[in-house]
Structure formats: structure tokens, C-alpha cells
């Protein structure tokens, strides 16, 4: 396993230190919107549950 890691490092190390900066990640706008929507849903659910559990947790 260590030999594989070392080989991968030696093969890819030059890419890490190349000049010119990082490549900009390509982002699918549709996926980004759906992920933001899911984050919003989870935040609302988390807030709702935390308010409903306050009487039992005493916090």
C-alpha cells in the first residue's frame, strides 16, 4: 500500500507544484441549485426539531 502511495506521489507531484494556479472546478448549475435547496430543507427541519425537543431536553 505504501509503495502505491509513493508511486502515485512521484507520478503526480509535478502537477501539484506547477505554476499557473489551480484549475477552476466545473460546477453544474442545476446540481448546485438542488444542493442549496436540500441544505435549506435540512436547515428548516433541524430548526423545527430543535424547537420541538426543547421541552424534553431542558435546554
PDB file of N, CA and C in Angstrom:
ATOM      1  N   UNK A   1       0.834  -1.188   0.000  1.00  0.00           N
ATOM      2  CA  UNK A   1       0.000   0.000   0.000  1.00  0.00           C
ATOM      3  C   UNK A   1       0.876   1.248   0.000  1.00  0.00           C
ATOM      4  N   UNK A   2       1.894   1.278   0.824  1.00  0.00           N
ATOM      5  CA  UNK A   2       2.781   2.443   0.892  1.00  0.00           C
ATOM      6  C   UNK A   2       3.499   2.642  -0.431  1.00  0.00           C
ATOM      7  N   UNK A   3       3.886   1.543  -1.072  1.00  0.00           N
ATOM      8  CA  UNK A   3       4.560   1.651  -2.366  1.00  0.00           C
ATOM      9  C   UNK A   3       3.631   2.265  -3.420  1.00  0.00           C
ATOM     10  N   UNK A   4       2.342   1.930  -3.356  1.00  0.00           N
ATOM     11  CA  UNK A   4       1.374   2.512  -4.291  1.00  0.00           C
ATOM     12  C   UNK A   4       1.244   4.010  -4.043  1.00  0.00           C
ATOM     13  N   UNK A   5       1.184   4.415  -2.781  1.00  0.00           N
ATOM     14  CA  UNK A   5       1.076   5.832  -2.442  1.00  0.00           C
ATOM     15  C   UNK A   5       2.312   6.596  -2.930  1.00  0.00           C
ATOM     16  N   UNK A   6       3.479   5.985  -2.702  1.00  0.00           N
ATOM     17  CA  UNK A   6       4.717   6.635  -3.110  1.00  0.00           C
ATOM     18  C   UNK A   6       4.754   6.787  -4.625  1.00  0.00           C
ATOM     19  N   UNK A   7       4.354   5.749  -5.345  1.00  0.00           N
ATOM     20  CA  UNK A   7       4.333   5.805  -6.803  1.00  0.00           C
ATOM     21  C   UNK A   7       3.358   6.888  -7.281  1.00  0.00           C
ATOM     22  N   UNK A   8       2.187   6.952  -6.660  1.00  0.00           N
ATOM     23  CA  UNK A   8       1.199   7.966  -7.035  1.00  0.00           C
ATOM     24  C   UNK A   8       1.740   9.371  -6.767  1.00  0.00           C
ATOM     25  N   UNK A   9       2.428   9.546  -5.655  1.00  0.00           N
ATOM     26  CA  UNK A   9       3.021  10.848  -5.335  1.00  0.00           C
ATOM     27  C   UNK A   9       4.080  11.229  -6.345  1.00  0.00           C
ATOM     28  N   UNK A  10       4.960  10.299  -6.661  1.00  0.00           N
ATOM     29  CA  UNK A  10       6.034  10.609  -7.595  1.00  0.00           C
ATOM     30  C   UNK A  10       5.502  10.909  -8.991  1.00  0.00           C
ATOM     31  N   UNK A  11       4.435  10.235  -9.387  1.00  0.00           N
ATOM     32  CA  UNK A  11       3.864  10.476 -10.707  1.00  0.00           C
ATOM     33  C   UNK A  11       3.090  11.794 -10.766  1.00  0.00           C
ATOM     34  N   UNK A  12       2.446  12.183  -9.649  1.00  0.00           N
ATOM     35  CA  UNK A  12       1.593  13.361  -9.670  1.00  0.00           C
ATOM     36  C   UNK A  12       2.164  14.581  -8.992  1.00  0.00           C
ATOM     37  N   UNK A  13       3.354  14.478  -8.415  1.00  0.00           N
ATOM     38  CA  UNK A  13       3.913  15.596  -7.650  1.00  0.00           C
ATOM     39  C   UNK A  13       4.189  16.808  -8.523  1.00  0.00           C
ATOM     40  N   UNK A  14       4.589  16.589  -9.746  1.00  0.00           N
ATOM     41  CA  UNK A  14       4.899  17.737 -10.605  1.00  0.00           C
ATOM     42  C   UNK A  14       3.642  18.552 -10.893  1.00  0.00           C
ATOM     43  N   UNK A  15       2.484  17.908 -10.967  1.00  0.00           N
ATOM     44  CA  UNK A  15       1.234  18.630 -11.197  1.00  0.00           C
ATOM     45  C   UNK A  15       0.876  19.527 -10.020  1.00  0.00           C
ATOM     46  N   UNK A  16       1.233  19.115  -8.832  1.00  0.00           N
ATOM     47  CA  UNK A  16       0.901  19.885  -7.633  1.00  0.00           C
ATOM     48  C   UNK A  16       1.656  21.209  -7.609  1.00  0.00           C
ATOM     49  N   UNK A  17       2.910  21.173  -8.029  1.00  0.00           N
ATOM     50  CA  UNK A  17       3.764  22.346  -7.911  1.00  0.00           C
ATOM     51  C   UNK A  17       3.881  23.152  -9.194  1.00  0.00           C
ATOM     52  N   UNK A  18       3.074  22.829 -10.199  1.00  0.00           N
ATOM     53  CA  UNK A  18       3.105  23.582 -11.451  1.00  0.00           C
ATOM     54  C   UNK A  18       2.655  25.014 -11.229  1.00  0.00           C
ATOM     55  N   UNK A  19       3.221  25.923 -11.968  1.00  0.00           N
ATOM     56  CA  UNK A  19       2.800  27.322 -11.914  1.00  0.00           C
ATOM     57  C   UNK A  19       1.530  27.480 -12.737  1.00  0.00           C
ATOM     58  N   UNK A  20       0.819  28.549 -12.474  1.00  0.00           N
ATOM     59  CA  UNK A  20      -0.378  28.824 -13.242  1.00  0.00           C
ATOM     60  C   UNK A  20      -1.638  28.659 -12.429  1.00  0.00           C
ATOM     61  N   UNK A  21      -1.521  28.280 -11.213  1.00  0.00           N
ATOM     62  CA  UNK A  21      -2.675  28.180 -10.333  1.00  0.00           C
ATOM     63  C   UNK A  21      -3.487  26.923 -10.544  1.00  0.00           C
ATOM     64  N   UNK A  22      -4.520  26.852  -9.774  1.00  0.00           N
ATOM     65  CA  UNK A  22      -5.398  25.696  -9.825  1.00  0.00           C
ATOM     66  C   UNK A  22      -6.399  25.842 -10.958  1.00  0.00           C
ATOM     67  N   UNK A  23      -6.829  24.705 -11.458  1.00  0.00           N
ATOM     68  CA  UNK A  23      -7.893  24.727 -12.450  1.00  0.00           C
ATOM     69  C   UNK A  23      -9.202  25.014 -11.740  1.00  0.00           C
ATOM     70  N   UNK A  24     -10.022  25.807 -12.363  1.00  0.00           N
ATOM     71  CA  UNK A  24     -11.317  26.117 -11.781  1.00  0.00           C
ATOM     72  C   UNK A  24     -12.231  24.901 -11.941  1.00  0.00           C
ATOM     73  N   UNK A  25     -12.846  24.520 -10.862  1.00  0.00           N
ATOM     74  CA  UNK A  25     -13.738  23.362 -10.895  1.00  0.00           C
ATOM     75  C   UNK A  25     -14.977  23.686 -11.718  1.00  0.00           C
ATOM     76  N   UNK A  26     -15.374  22.731 -12.536  1.00  0.00           N
ATOM     77  CA  UNK A  26     -16.579  22.908 -13.319  1.00  0.00           C
ATOM     78  C   UNK A  26     -17.772  22.525 -12.452  1.00  0.00           C
ATOM     79  N   UNK A  27     -18.733  23.441 -12.350  1.00  0.00           N
ATOM     80  CA  UNK A  27     -19.879  23.225 -11.481  1.00  0.00           C
ATOM     81  C   UNK A  27     -21.141  23.232 -12.332  1.00  0.00           C
ATOM     82  N   UNK A  28     -21.928  22.204 -12.151  1.00  0.00           N
ATOM     83  CA  UNK A  28     -23.204  22.126 -12.838  1.00  0.00           C
ATOM     84  C   UNK A  28     -24.207  22.968 -12.052  1.00  0.00           C
ATOM     85  N   UNK A  29     -24.756  23.991 -12.694  1.00  0.00           N
ATOM     86  CA  UNK A  29     -25.661  24.916 -12.003  1.00  0.00           C
ATOM     87  C   UNK A  29     -26.911  24.213 -11.479  1.00  0.00           C
ATOM     88  N   UNK A  30     -27.424  23.259 -12.232  1.00  0.00           N
ATOM     89  CA  UNK A  30     -28.617  22.520 -11.802  1.00  0.00           C
ATOM     90  C   UNK A  30     -28.338  21.747 -10.513  1.00  0.00           C
ATOM     91  N   UNK A  31     -27.194  21.096 -10.449  1.00  0.00           N
ATOM     92  CA  UNK A  31     -26.814  20.349  -9.259  1.00  0.00           C
ATOM     93  C   UNK A  31     -26.621  21.291  -8.082  1.00  0.00           C
ATOM     94  N   UNK A  32     -26.002  22.441  -8.338  1.00  0.00           N
ATOM     95  CA  UNK A  32     -25.770  23.423  -7.277  1.00  0.00           C
ATOM     96  C   UNK A  32     -27.093  23.912  -6.700  1.00  0.00           C
ATOM     97  N   UNK A  33     -28.066  24.198  -7.562  1.00  0.00           N
ATOM     98  CA  UNK A  33     -29.373  24.653  -7.082  1.00  0.00           C
ATOM     99  C   UNK A  33     -30.059  23.586  -6.248  1.00  0.00           C
ATOM    100  N   UNK A  34     -29.998  22.334  -6.714  1.00  0.00           N
ATOM    101  CA  UNK A  34     -30.662  21.266  -5.960  1.00  0.00           C
ATOM    102  C   UNK A  34     -29.982  21.039  -4.614  1.00  0.00           C
ATOM    103  N   UNK A  35     -28.660  21.177  -4.561  1.00  0.00           N
ATOM    104  CA  UNK A  35     -27.949  21.020  -3.284  1.00  0.00           C
ATOM    105  C   UNK A  35     -28.279  22.153  -2.322  1.00  0.00           C
ATOM    106  N   UNK A  36     -28.366  23.377  -2.834  1.00  0.00           N
ATOM    107  CA  UNK A  36     -28.741  24.504  -1.980  1.00  0.00           C
ATOM    108  C   UNK A  36     -30.170  24.337  -1.464  1.00  0.00           C
ATOM    109  N   UNK A  37     -31.063  23.825  -2.304  1.00  0.00           N
ATOM    110  CA  UNK A  37     -32.438  23.586  -1.874  1.00  0.00           C
ATOM    111  C   UNK A  37     -32.469  22.528  -0.769  1.00  0.00           C
ATOM    112  N   UNK A  38     -31.678  21.481  -0.924  1.00  0.00           N
ATOM    113  CA  UNK A  38     -31.631  20.418   0.078  1.00  0.00           C
ATOM    114  C   UNK A  38     -31.067  20.953   1.401  1.00  0.00           C
ATOM    115  N   UNK A  39     -30.047  21.789   1.322  1.00  0.00           N
ATOM    116  CA  UNK A  39     -29.480  22.399   2.529  1.00  0.00           C
ATOM    117  C   UNK A  39     -30.545  23.222   3.243  1.00  0.00           C
ATOM    118  N   UNK A  40     -31.325  23.978   2.481  1.00  0.00           N
ATOM    119  CA  UNK A  40     -32.398  24.779   3.066  1.00  0.00           C
ATOM    120  C   UNK A  40     -33.439  23.907   3.756  1.00  0.00           C
ATOM    121  N   UNK A  41     -33.826  22.808   3.095  1.00  0.00           N
ATOM    122  CA  UNK A  41     -34.812  21.898   3.688  1.00  0.00           C
ATOM    123  C   UNK A  41     -34.290  21.309   4.998  1.00  0.00           C
ATOM    124  N   UNK A  42     -33.042  20.890   4.985  1.00  0.00           N
ATOM    125  CA  UNK A  42     -32.461  20.285   6.186  1.00  0.00           C
ATOM    126  C   UNK A  42     -32.315  21.308   7.316  1.00  0.00           C
ATOM    127  N   UNK A  43     -31.992  22.546   6.974  1.00  0.00           N
ATOM    128  CA  UNK A  43     -31.873  23.589   7.991  1.00  0.00           C
ATOM    129  C   UNK A  43     -33.229  23.849   8.640  1.00  0.00           C
ATOM    130  N   UNK A  44     -34.293  23.893   7.823  1.00  0.00           N
ATOM    131  CA  UNK A  44     -35.636  24.111   8.367  1.00  0.00           C
ATOM    132  C   UNK A  44     -36.039  22.940   9.261  1.00  0.00           C
ATOM    133  N   UNK A  45     -35.787  21.721   8.808  1.00  0.00           N
ATOM    134  CA  UNK A  45     -36.135  20.543   9.604  1.00  0.00           C
ATOM    135  C   UNK A  45     -35.348  20.530  10.913  1.00  0.00           C
ATOM    136  N   UNK A  46     -34.081  20.875  10.863  1.00  0.00           N
ATOM    137  CA  UNK A  46     -33.247  20.911  12.059  1.00  0.00           C
ATOM    138  C   UNK A  46     -33.761  21.943  13.054  1.00  0.00           C
ATOM    139  N   UNK A  47     -34.116  23.116  12.564  1.00  0.00           N
ATOM    140  CA  UNK A  47     -34.649  24.172  13.414  1.00  0.00           C
ATOM    141  C   UNK A  47     -35.973  23.732  14.051  1.00  0.00           C
ATOM    142  N   UNK A  48     -36.850  23.149  13.258  1.00  0.00           N
ATOM    143  CA  UNK A  48     -38.137  22.678  13.750  1.00  0.00           C
ATOM    144  C   UNK A  48     -37.957  21.635  14.852  1.00  0.00           C
ATOM    145  N   UNK A  49     -37.104  20.655  14.597  1.00  0.00           N
ATOM    146  CA  UNK A  49     -36.896  19.594  15.581  1.00  0.00           C
ATOM    147  C   UNK A  49     -36.234  20.115  16.848  1.00  0.00           C
ATOM    148  N   UNK A  50     -35.307  21.048  16.704  1.00  0.00           N
ATOM    149  CA  UNK A  50     -34.651  21.573  17.906  1.00  0.00           C
ATOM    150  C   UNK A  50     -35.645  22.332  18.776  1.00  0.00           C
ATOM    151  N   UNK A  51     -36.600  23.049  18.150  1.00  0.00           N
ATOM    152  CA  UNK A  51     -37.616  23.760  18.933  1.00  0.00           C
ATOM    153  C   UNK A  51     -38.584  22.778  19.594  1.00  0.00           C
ATOM    154  N   UNK A  52     -38.930  21.698  18.909  1.00  0.00           N
ATOM    155  CA  UNK A  52     -39.877  20.727  19.462  1.00  0.00           C
ATOM    156  C   UNK A  52     -39.257  19.894  20.581  1.00  0.00           C
ATOM    157  N   UNK A  53     -37.948  19.721  20.562  1.00  0.00           N
ATOM    158  CA  UNK A  53     -37.288  18.906  21.579  1.00  0.00           C
ATOM    159  C   UNK A  53     -36.879  19.690  22.818  1.00  0.00           C
ATOM    160  N   UNK A  54     -36.974  21.011  22.787  1.00  0.00           N
ATOM    161  CA  UNK A  54     -36.555  21.823  23.931  1.00  0.00           C
ATOM    162  C   UNK A  54     -37.274  21.423  25.231  1.00  0.00           C
ATOM    163  N   UNK A  55     -38.580  21.159  25.231  1.00  0.00           N
ATOM    164  CA  UNK A  55     -39.223  20.789  26.500  1.00  0.00           C
ATOM    165  C   UNK A  55     -38.651  19.504  27.114  1.00  0.00           C
ATOM    166  N   UNK A  56     -38.160  18.592  26.295  1.00  0.00           N
ATOM    167  CA  UNK A  56     -37.659  17.328  26.830  1.00  0.00           C
ATOM    168  C   UNK A  56     -36.177  17.388  27.169  1.00  0.00           C
ATOM    169  N   UNK A  57     -35.430  18.276  26.539  1.00  0.00           N
ATOM    170  CA  UNK A  57     -34.007  18.351  26.817  1.00  0.00           C
ATOM    171  C   UNK A  57     -33.668  19.360  27.894  1.00  0.00           C
ATOM    172  N   UNK A  58     -34.548  20.315  28.129  1.00  0.00           N
ATOM    173  CA  UNK A  58     -34.315  21.314  29.157  1.00  0.00           C
ATOM    174  C   UNK A  58     -33.340  22.393  28.738  1.00  0.00           C
ATOM    175  N   UNK A  59     -33.021  22.483  27.488  1.00  0.00           N
ATOM    176  CA  UNK A  59     -32.061  23.496  27.020  1.00  0.00           C
ATOM    177  C   UNK A  59     -32.768  24.678  26.440  1.00  0.00           C
TER     178      UNK A  59
END
